[in-house]
Amino acid sequence: MKENLIHYRTCVCNINYHMVWSVKYRQKILTPDIEEYLQELVQQIAEDKGFAVHLFE
């Protein structure tokens, strides 16, 4: 946990988000190809914005 701490001038923090995407009626729409593309896209956005994705399922 200590390695995840972010140090600013006046504070120290550790912010985590848990995101869940679901579609209407819980239909399965993620094929393996779409899931792989989505994972690459999220990783690219994370690198551009300066945050880390710890788990993607």
PDB file of N, CA and C in Angstrom:
ATOM      1  N   MET A   1       0.819  -1.192   0.000  1.00  0.00           N
ATOM      2  CA  MET A   1       0.000   0.000   0.000  1.00  0.00           C
ATOM      3  C   MET A   1       0.858   1.250   0.000  1.00  0.00           C
ATOM      4  N   LYS A   2       1.973   1.245   0.678  1.00  0.00           N
ATOM      5  CA  LYS A   2       2.806   2.440   0.755  1.00  0.00           C
ATOM      6  C   LYS A   2       3.344   2.841  -0.608  1.00  0.00           C
ATOM      7  N   GLU A   3       3.550   1.880  -1.521  1.00  0.00           N
ATOM      8  CA  GLU A   3       4.083   2.223  -2.827  1.00  0.00           C
ATOM      9  C   GLU A   3       3.051   2.924  -3.712  1.00  0.00           C
ATOM     10  N   ASN A   4       1.758   2.856  -3.323  1.00  0.00           N
ATOM     11  CA  ASN A   4       0.703   3.502  -4.094  1.00  0.00           C
ATOM     12  C   ASN A   4       0.418   4.926  -3.635  1.00  0.00           C
ATOM     13  N   LEU A   5       1.106   5.408  -2.636  1.00  0.00           N
ATOM     14  CA  LEU A   5       0.851   6.745  -2.119  1.00  0.00           C
ATOM     15  C   LEU A   5       1.377   7.806  -3.075  1.00  0.00           C
ATOM     16  N   ILE A   6       0.582   8.851  -3.232  1.00  0.00           N
ATOM     17  CA  ILE A   6       0.965  10.000  -4.053  1.00  0.00           C
ATOM     18  C   ILE A   6       1.236  11.155  -3.109  1.00  0.00           C
ATOM     19  N   HIS A   7       2.404  11.745  -3.218  1.00  0.00           N
ATOM     20  CA  HIS A   7       2.804  12.833  -2.329  1.00  0.00           C
ATOM     21  C   HIS A   7       2.687  14.170  -3.055  1.00  0.00           C
ATOM     22  N   TYR A   8       1.898  15.051  -2.480  1.00  0.00           N
ATOM     23  CA  TYR A   8       1.779  16.415  -2.951  1.00  0.00           C
ATOM     24  C   TYR A   8       2.409  17.339  -1.915  1.00  0.00           C
ATOM     25  N   ARG A   9       2.392  18.605  -2.188  1.00  0.00           N
ATOM     26  CA  ARG A   9       3.033  19.566  -1.285  1.00  0.00           C
ATOM     27  C   ARG A   9       2.425  19.559   0.107  1.00  0.00           C
ATOM     28  N   THR A  10       1.100  19.487   0.177  1.00  0.00           N
ATOM     29  CA  THR A  10       0.441  19.581   1.488  1.00  0.00           C
ATOM     30  C   THR A  10      -0.337  18.335   1.888  1.00  0.00           C
ATOM     31  N   CYS A  11      -0.264  17.268   1.090  1.00  0.00           N
ATOM     32  CA  CYS A  11      -1.028  16.077   1.446  1.00  0.00           C
ATOM     33  C   CYS A  11      -0.429  14.822   0.811  1.00  0.00           C
ATOM     34  N   VAL A  12      -0.872  13.715   1.315  1.00  0.00           N
ATOM     35  CA  VAL A  12      -0.511  12.412   0.780  1.00  0.00           C
ATOM     36  C   VAL A  12      -1.816  11.668   0.543  1.00  0.00           C
ATOM     37  N   CYS A  13      -1.944  11.016  -0.628  1.00  0.00           N
ATOM     38  CA  CYS A  13      -3.205  10.351  -0.914  1.00  0.00           C
ATOM     39  C   CYS A  13      -2.998   9.052  -1.683  1.00  0.00           C
ATOM     40  N   ASN A  14      -4.023   8.268  -1.689  1.00  0.00           N
ATOM     41  CA  ASN A  14      -4.088   7.031  -2.451  1.00  0.00           C
ATOM     42  C   ASN A  14      -5.527   6.923  -2.940  1.00  0.00           C
ATOM     43  N   ILE A  15      -5.748   7.175  -4.220  1.00  0.00           N
ATOM     44  CA  ILE A  15      -7.093   7.197  -4.774  1.00  0.00           C
ATOM     45  C   ILE A  15      -7.264   5.995  -5.693  1.00  0.00           C
ATOM     46  N   ASN A  16      -8.317   5.235  -5.451  1.00  0.00           N
ATOM     47  CA  ASN A  16      -8.630   4.074  -6.279  1.00  0.00           C
ATOM     48  C   ASN A  16     -10.063   4.195  -6.775  1.00  0.00           C
ATOM     49  N   TYR A  17     -10.284   3.757  -8.006  1.00  0.00           N
ATOM     50  CA  TYR A  17     -11.625   3.746  -8.586  1.00  0.00           C
ATOM     51  C   TYR A  17     -11.973   2.329  -9.009  1.00  0.00           C
ATOM     52  N   HIS A  18     -13.204   1.956  -8.801  1.00  0.00           N
ATOM     53  CA  HIS A  18     -13.722   0.677  -9.268  1.00  0.00           C
ATOM     54  C   HIS A  18     -14.815   1.008 -10.272  1.00  0.00           C
ATOM     55  N   MET A  19     -14.578   0.665 -11.525  1.00  0.00           N
ATOM     56  CA  MET A  19     -15.531   1.012 -12.585  1.00  0.00           C
ATOM     57  C   MET A  19     -16.184  -0.261 -13.107  1.00  0.00           C
ATOM     58  N   VAL A  20     -17.500  -0.183 -13.297  1.00  0.00           N
ATOM     59  CA  VAL A  20     -18.260  -1.310 -13.822  1.00  0.00           C
ATOM     60  C   VAL A  20     -19.102  -0.796 -14.976  1.00  0.00           C
ATOM     61  N   TRP A  21     -18.969  -1.463 -16.111  1.00  0.00           N
ATOM     62  CA  TRP A  21     -19.800  -1.130 -17.263  1.00  0.00           C
ATOM     63  C   TRP A  21     -20.827  -2.227 -17.445  1.00  0.00           C
ATOM     64  N   SER A  22     -22.057  -1.850 -17.610  1.00  0.00           N
ATOM     65  CA  SER A  22     -23.092  -2.843 -17.894  1.00  0.00           C
ATOM     66  C   SER A  22     -24.053  -2.258 -18.920  1.00  0.00           C
ATOM     67  N   VAL A  23     -24.641  -3.140 -19.685  1.00  0.00           N
ATOM     68  CA  VAL A  23     -25.586  -2.709 -20.717  1.00  0.00           C
ATOM     69  C   VAL A  23     -26.994  -3.083 -20.287  1.00  0.00           C
ATOM     70  N   LYS A  24     -27.948  -2.511 -20.964  1.00  0.00           N
ATOM     71  CA  LYS A  24     -29.338  -2.767 -20.650  1.00  0.00           C
ATOM     72  C   LYS A  24     -29.643  -4.258 -20.780  1.00  0.00           C
ATOM     73  N   TYR A  25     -30.357  -4.790 -19.855  1.00  0.00           N
ATOM     74  CA  TYR A  25     -30.757  -6.199 -19.794  1.00  0.00           C
ATOM     75  C   TYR A  25     -29.569  -7.146 -19.657  1.00  0.00           C
ATOM     76  N   ARG A  26     -28.383  -6.625 -19.312  1.00  0.00           N
ATOM     77  CA  ARG A  26     -27.196  -7.445 -19.060  1.00  0.00           C
ATOM     78  C   ARG A  26     -26.823  -8.359 -20.234  1.00  0.00           C
ATOM     79  N   GLN A  27     -27.056  -7.883 -21.450  1.00  0.00           N
ATOM     80  CA  GLN A  27     -26.686  -8.668 -22.624  1.00  0.00           C
ATOM     81  C   GLN A  27     -25.171  -8.741 -22.755  1.00  0.00           C
ATOM     82  N   LYS A  28     -24.667  -9.878 -23.197  1.00  0.00           N
ATOM     83  CA  LYS A  28     -23.229 -10.056 -23.389  1.00  0.00           C
ATOM     84  C   LYS A  28     -22.860  -9.512 -24.767  1.00  0.00           C
ATOM     85  N   ILE A  29     -22.121  -8.386 -24.779  1.00  0.00           N
ATOM     86  CA  ILE A  29     -21.752  -7.772 -26.049  1.00  0.00           C
ATOM     87  C   ILE A  29     -20.248  -7.741 -26.269  1.00  0.00           C
ATOM     88  N   LEU A  30     -19.461  -8.054 -25.249  1.00  0.00           N
ATOM     89  CA  LEU A  30     -18.010  -8.005 -25.383  1.00  0.00           C
ATOM     90  C   LEU A  30     -17.484  -9.315 -25.961  1.00  0.00           C
ATOM     91  N   THR A  31     -17.091  -9.258 -27.211  1.00  0.00           N
ATOM     92  CA  THR A  31     -16.410 -10.394 -27.809  1.00  0.00           C
ATOM     93  C   THR A  31     -14.939 -10.291 -27.424  1.00  0.00           C
ATOM     94  N   PRO A  32     -14.168 -11.345 -27.577  1.00  0.00           N
ATOM     95  CA  PRO A  32     -12.742 -11.266 -27.229  1.00  0.00           C
ATOM     96  C   PRO A  32     -11.998 -10.157 -27.982  1.00  0.00           C
ATOM     97  N   ASP A  33     -12.356  -9.920 -29.242  1.00  0.00           N
ATOM     98  CA  ASP A  33     -11.710  -8.856 -30.021  1.00  0.00           C
ATOM     99  C   ASP A  33     -12.020  -7.476 -29.452  1.00  0.00           C
ATOM    100  N   ILE A  34     -13.278  -7.242 -29.129  1.00  0.00           N
ATOM    101  CA  ILE A  34     -13.680  -5.953 -28.574  1.00  0.00           C
ATOM    102  C   ILE A  34     -13.070  -5.757 -27.194  1.00  0.00           C
ATOM    103  N   GLU A  35     -13.032  -6.805 -26.395  1.00  0.00           N
ATOM    104  CA  GLU A  35     -12.447  -6.710 -25.059  1.00  0.00           C
ATOM    105  C   GLU A  35     -10.955  -6.370 -25.130  1.00  0.00           C
ATOM    106  N   GLU A  36     -10.237  -6.992 -26.061  1.00  0.00           N
ATOM    107  CA  GLU A  36      -8.811  -6.711 -26.224  1.00  0.00           C
ATOM    108  C   GLU A  36      -8.588  -5.264 -26.661  1.00  0.00           C
ATOM    109  N   TYR A  37      -9.412  -4.795 -27.610  1.00  0.00           N
ATOM    110  CA  TYR A  37      -9.300  -3.413 -28.062  1.00  0.00           C
ATOM    111  C   TYR A  37      -9.597  -2.436 -26.923  1.00  0.00           C
ATOM    112  N   LEU A  38     -10.628  -2.718 -26.150  1.00  0.00           N
ATOM    113  CA  LEU A  38     -11.002  -1.852 -25.035  1.00  0.00           C
ATOM    114  C   LEU A  38      -9.898  -1.800 -23.992  1.00  0.00           C
ATOM    115  N   GLN A  39      -9.273  -2.943 -23.719  1.00  0.00           N
ATOM    116  CA  GLN A  39      -8.187  -2.985 -22.743  1.00  0.00           C
ATOM    117  C   GLN A  39      -6.999  -2.155 -23.229  1.00  0.00           C
ATOM    118  N   GLU A  40      -6.647  -2.269 -24.514  1.00  0.00           N
ATOM    119  CA  GLU A  40      -5.553  -1.468 -25.068  1.00  0.00           C
ATOM    120  C   GLU A  40      -5.876   0.019 -25.008  1.00  0.00           C
ATOM    121  N   LEU A  41      -7.119   0.360 -25.296  1.00  0.00           N
ATOM    122  CA  LEU A  41      -7.538   1.758 -25.272  1.00  0.00           C
ATOM    123  C   LEU A  41      -7.465   2.344 -23.864  1.00  0.00           C
ATOM    124  N   VAL A  42      -7.924   1.591 -22.881  1.00  0.00           N
ATOM    125  CA  VAL A  42      -7.875   2.058 -21.493  1.00  0.00           C
ATOM    126  C   VAL A  42      -6.423   2.220 -21.040  1.00  0.00           C
ATOM    127  N   GLN A  43      -5.557   1.286 -21.408  1.00  0.00           N
ATOM    128  CA  GLN A  43      -4.139   1.390 -21.044  1.00  0.00           C
ATOM    129  C   GLN A  43      -3.502   2.616 -21.684  1.00  0.00           C
ATOM    130  N   GLN A  44      -3.846   2.894 -22.942  1.00  0.00           N
ATOM    131  CA  GLN A  44      -3.295   4.054 -23.636  1.00  0.00           C
ATOM    132  C   GLN A  44      -3.759   5.351 -22.970  1.00  0.00           C
ATOM    133  N   ILE A  45      -5.016   5.434 -22.621  1.00  0.00           N
ATOM    134  CA  ILE A  45      -5.546   6.617 -21.948  1.00  0.00           C
ATOM    135  C   ILE A  45      -4.873   6.784 -20.590  1.00  0.00           C
ATOM    136  N   ALA A  46      -4.667   5.683 -19.874  1.00  0.00           N
ATOM    137  CA  ALA A  46      -4.014   5.737 -18.565  1.00  0.00           C
ATOM    138  C   ALA A  46      -2.598   6.286 -18.696  1.00  0.00           C
ATOM    139  N   GLU A  47      -1.865   5.841 -19.696  1.00  0.00           N
ATOM    140  CA  GLU A  47      -0.501   6.348 -19.903  1.00  0.00           C
ATOM    141  C   GLU A  47      -0.517   7.834 -20.248  1.00  0.00           C
ATOM    142  N   ASP A  48      -1.463   8.247 -21.089  1.00  0.00           N
ATOM    143  CA  ASP A  48      -1.554   9.661 -21.478  1.00  0.00           C
ATOM    144  C   ASP A  48      -1.914  10.555 -20.298  1.00  0.00           C
ATOM    145  N   LYS A  49      -2.793  10.077 -19.425  1.00  0.00           N
ATOM    146  CA  LYS A  49      -3.268  10.882 -18.294  1.00  0.00           C
ATOM    147  C   LYS A  49      -2.419  10.725 -17.041  1.00  0.00           C
ATOM    148  N   GLY A  50      -1.502   9.753 -17.020  1.00  0.00           N
ATOM    149  CA  GLY A  50      -0.594   9.605 -15.903  1.00  0.00           C
ATOM    150  C   GLY A  50      -1.137   8.798 -14.733  1.00  0.00           C
ATOM    151  N   PHE A  51      -1.990   7.822 -14.986  1.00  0.00           N
ATOM    152  CA  PHE A  51      -2.426   6.945 -13.907  1.00  0.00           C
ATOM    153  C   PHE A  51      -2.203   5.501 -14.320  1.00  0.00           C
ATOM    154  N   ALA A  52      -2.358   4.590 -13.379  1.00  0.00           N
ATOM    155  CA  ALA A  52      -2.086   3.174 -13.636  1.00  0.00           C
ATOM    156  C   ALA A  52      -3.354   2.343 -13.498  1.00  0.00           C
ATOM    157  N   VAL A  53      -3.488   1.369 -14.377  1.00  0.00           N
ATOM    158  CA  VAL A  53      -4.577   0.404 -14.284  1.00  0.00           C
ATOM    159  C   VAL A  53      -3.998  -0.835 -13.628  1.00  0.00           C
ATOM    160  N   HIS A  54      -4.494  -1.181 -12.441  1.00  0.00           N
ATOM    161  CA  HIS A  54      -3.956  -2.312 -11.698  1.00  0.00           C
ATOM    162  C   HIS A  54      -4.615  -3.630 -12.082  1.00  0.00           C
ATOM    163  N   LEU A  55      -5.895  -3.582 -12.462  1.00  0.00           N
ATOM    164  CA  LEU A  55      -6.602  -4.809 -12.785  1.00  0.00           C
ATOM    165  C   LEU A  55      -7.663  -4.484 -13.826  1.00  0.00           C
ATOM    166  N   PHE A  56      -7.740  -5.331 -14.837  1.00  0.00           N
ATOM    167  CA  PHE A  56      -8.742  -5.152 -15.896  1.00  0.00           C
ATOM    168  C   PHE A  56      -9.357  -6.512 -16.183  1.00  0.00           C
ATOM    169  N   GLU A  57     -10.590  -6.697 -15.783  1.00  0.00           N
ATOM    170  CA  GLU A  57     -11.278  -7.978 -15.998  1.00  0.00           C
ATOM    171  C   GLU A  57     -12.609  -7.742 -16.655  1.00  0.00           C
TER     172      GLU A  57
END
